[in-house]
Amino acid sequence: MKKMHIHWDIEGDFLEVRFGKSTKSYYEEIDSDIFERRDEKTNKVKGFAFFNVQKRKEKEVKDIAVDIPSEAGITAP
């Protein structure tokens, strides 16, 4: 089973969610301050990065929703 890794940098106001093992990746902006992390070789989505999370929360109370690709390997228990 693949693992999901979550990193929260409170000082940098940055949240990252990664799926599986870390690989060489690049980021592609999909919305304001929201980025997909994609594997350099396969182009598969490996995670997401969210900038200005606290600032966003202060401006508007809103959930951040992104589609999780099936190749991320996340299944219900």
C-alpha atoms as a PDB file:
ATOM      1  CA  MET A   1       0.000   0.000   0.000  1.00  0.00           C
ATOM      2  CA  LYS A   2       1.305   3.467  -0.867  1.00  0.00           C
ATOM      3  CA  LYS A   3       1.638   6.018   1.881  1.00  0.00           C
ATOM      4  CA  MET A   4       0.438   9.587   1.869  1.00  0.00           C
ATOM      5  CA  HIS A   5       2.916  12.089   3.351  1.00  0.00           C
ATOM      6  CA  ILE A   6       1.730  15.433   4.707  1.00  0.00           C
ATOM      7  CA  HIS A   7       4.099  18.314   5.454  1.00  0.00           C
ATOM      8  CA  TRP A   8       2.931  21.553   7.097  1.00  0.00           C
ATOM      9  CA  ASP A   9       5.323  24.515   7.293  1.00  0.00           C
ATOM     10  CA  ILE A  10       3.624  26.986   9.619  1.00  0.00           C
ATOM     11  CA  GLU A  11       6.232  29.734   9.131  1.00  0.00           C
ATOM     12  CA  GLY A  12       6.181  29.423   5.347  1.00  0.00           C
ATOM     13  CA  ASP A  13       2.368  28.993   5.303  1.00  0.00           C
ATOM     14  CA  PHE A  14       2.829  25.963   3.049  1.00  0.00           C
ATOM     15  CA  LEU A  15       1.095  22.560   3.007  1.00  0.00           C
ATOM     16  CA  GLU A  16       2.300  19.646   0.886  1.00  0.00           C
ATOM     17  CA  VAL A  17       0.634  16.274   0.362  1.00  0.00           C
ATOM     18  CA  ARG A  18       2.706  13.577  -1.368  1.00  0.00           C
ATOM     19  CA  PHE A  19       1.695  10.103  -2.561  1.00  0.00           C
ATOM     20  CA  GLY A  20       4.146   7.203  -2.407  1.00  0.00           C
ATOM     21  CA  LYS A  21       7.937   7.418  -2.559  1.00  0.00           C
ATOM     22  CA  SER A  22       9.528  10.745  -3.330  1.00  0.00           C
ATOM     23  CA  THR A  23      10.752  11.013  -6.923  1.00  0.00           C
ATOM     24  CA  LYS A  24      12.247  13.807  -9.011  1.00  0.00           C
ATOM     25  CA  SER A  25       9.263  15.996  -9.699  1.00  0.00           C
ATOM     26  CA  TYR A  26       8.129  19.341 -10.968  1.00  0.00           C
ATOM     27  CA  TYR A  27       5.181  21.511  -9.964  1.00  0.00           C
ATOM     28  CA  GLU A  28       2.406  22.732 -12.217  1.00  0.00           C
ATOM     29  CA  GLU A  29       0.035  25.475 -11.038  1.00  0.00           C
ATOM     30  CA  ILE A  30      -3.603  24.357 -11.248  1.00  0.00           C
ATOM     31  CA  ASP A  31      -5.181  27.272  -9.347  1.00  0.00           C
ATOM     32  CA  SER A  32      -4.085  30.323  -7.407  1.00  0.00           C
ATOM     33  CA  ASP A  33      -1.426  29.073  -4.929  1.00  0.00           C
ATOM     34  CA  ILE A  34      -2.331  25.408  -5.660  1.00  0.00           C
ATOM     35  CA  PHE A  35       0.147  23.180  -7.486  1.00  0.00           C
ATOM     36  CA  GLU A  36       0.231  19.562  -8.683  1.00  0.00           C
ATOM     37  CA  ARG A  37       3.467  17.694  -8.086  1.00  0.00           C
ATOM     38  CA  ARG A  38       4.248  15.544 -11.165  1.00  0.00           C
ATOM     39  CA  ASP A  39       6.906  12.880 -11.662  1.00  0.00           C
ATOM     40  CA  GLU A  40       9.536  14.043 -14.170  1.00  0.00           C
ATOM     41  CA  LYS A  41       9.727  10.663 -15.953  1.00  0.00           C
ATOM     42  CA  THR A  42       6.118   9.431 -15.929  1.00  0.00           C
ATOM     43  CA  ASN A  43       4.246  12.756 -15.616  1.00  0.00           C
ATOM     44  CA  LYS A  44       1.974  11.089 -13.027  1.00  0.00           C
ATOM     45  CA  VAL A  45       0.581  13.208 -10.199  1.00  0.00           C
ATOM     46  CA  LYS A  46       2.662  12.591  -7.071  1.00  0.00           C
ATOM     47  CA  GLY A  47       1.009  15.128  -4.784  1.00  0.00           C
ATOM     48  CA  PHE A  48      -0.165  18.669  -4.235  1.00  0.00           C
ATOM     49  CA  ALA A  49       1.275  21.841  -2.734  1.00  0.00           C
ATOM     50  CA  PHE A  50      -0.793  24.634  -1.210  1.00  0.00           C
ATOM     51  CA  PHE A  51       0.694  28.071  -0.549  1.00  0.00           C
ATOM     52  CA  ASN A  52      -0.772  30.793   1.687  1.00  0.00           C
ATOM     53  CA  VAL A  53      -3.071  28.372   3.512  1.00  0.00           C
ATOM     54  CA  GLN A  54      -3.450  30.540   6.630  1.00  0.00           C
ATOM     55  CA  LYS A  55      -3.868  33.714   4.583  1.00  0.00           C
ATOM     56  CA  ARG A  56      -6.563  31.994   2.520  1.00  0.00           C
ATOM     57  CA  LYS A  57      -8.303  30.897   5.722  1.00  0.00           C
ATOM     58  CA  GLU A  58      -8.270  34.465   7.069  1.00  0.00           C
ATOM     59  CA  LYS A  59      -9.796  35.854   3.864  1.00  0.00           C
ATOM     60  CA  GLU A  60     -12.484  33.247   3.331  1.00  0.00           C
ATOM     61  CA  VAL A  61     -13.600  30.081   5.038  1.00  0.00           C
ATOM     62  CA  LYS A  62     -13.432  27.638   2.163  1.00  0.00           C
ATOM     63  CA  ASP A  63     -12.434  24.033   1.678  1.00  0.00           C
ATOM     64  CA  ILE A  64      -9.711  23.362  -0.851  1.00  0.00           C
ATOM     65  CA  ALA A  65     -10.739  20.509  -3.127  1.00  0.00           C
ATOM     66  CA  VAL A  66      -8.575  18.809  -5.748  1.00  0.00           C
ATOM     67  CA  ASP A  67      -9.210  15.674  -7.766  1.00  0.00           C
ATOM     68  CA  ILE A  68      -7.015  12.742  -6.693  1.00  0.00           C
ATOM     69  CA  PRO A  69      -5.874  10.747  -9.711  1.00  0.00           C
ATOM     70  CA  SER A  70      -6.453   7.003  -9.662  1.00  0.00           C
ATOM     71  CA  GLU A  71      -2.719   6.364 -10.144  1.00  0.00           C
ATOM     72  CA  ALA A  72      -2.129   7.831  -6.674  1.00  0.00           C
ATOM     73  CA  GLY A  73      -3.179   4.422  -5.361  1.00  0.00           C
ATOM     74  CA  ILE A  74      -5.359   5.645  -2.503  1.00  0.00           C
ATOM     75  CA  THR A  75      -8.101   3.200  -1.534  1.00  0.00           C
ATOM     76  CA  ALA A  76     -10.683   3.044   1.216  1.00  0.00           C
ATOM     77  CA  PRO A  77      -9.771   0.823   4.183  1.00  0.00           C
END
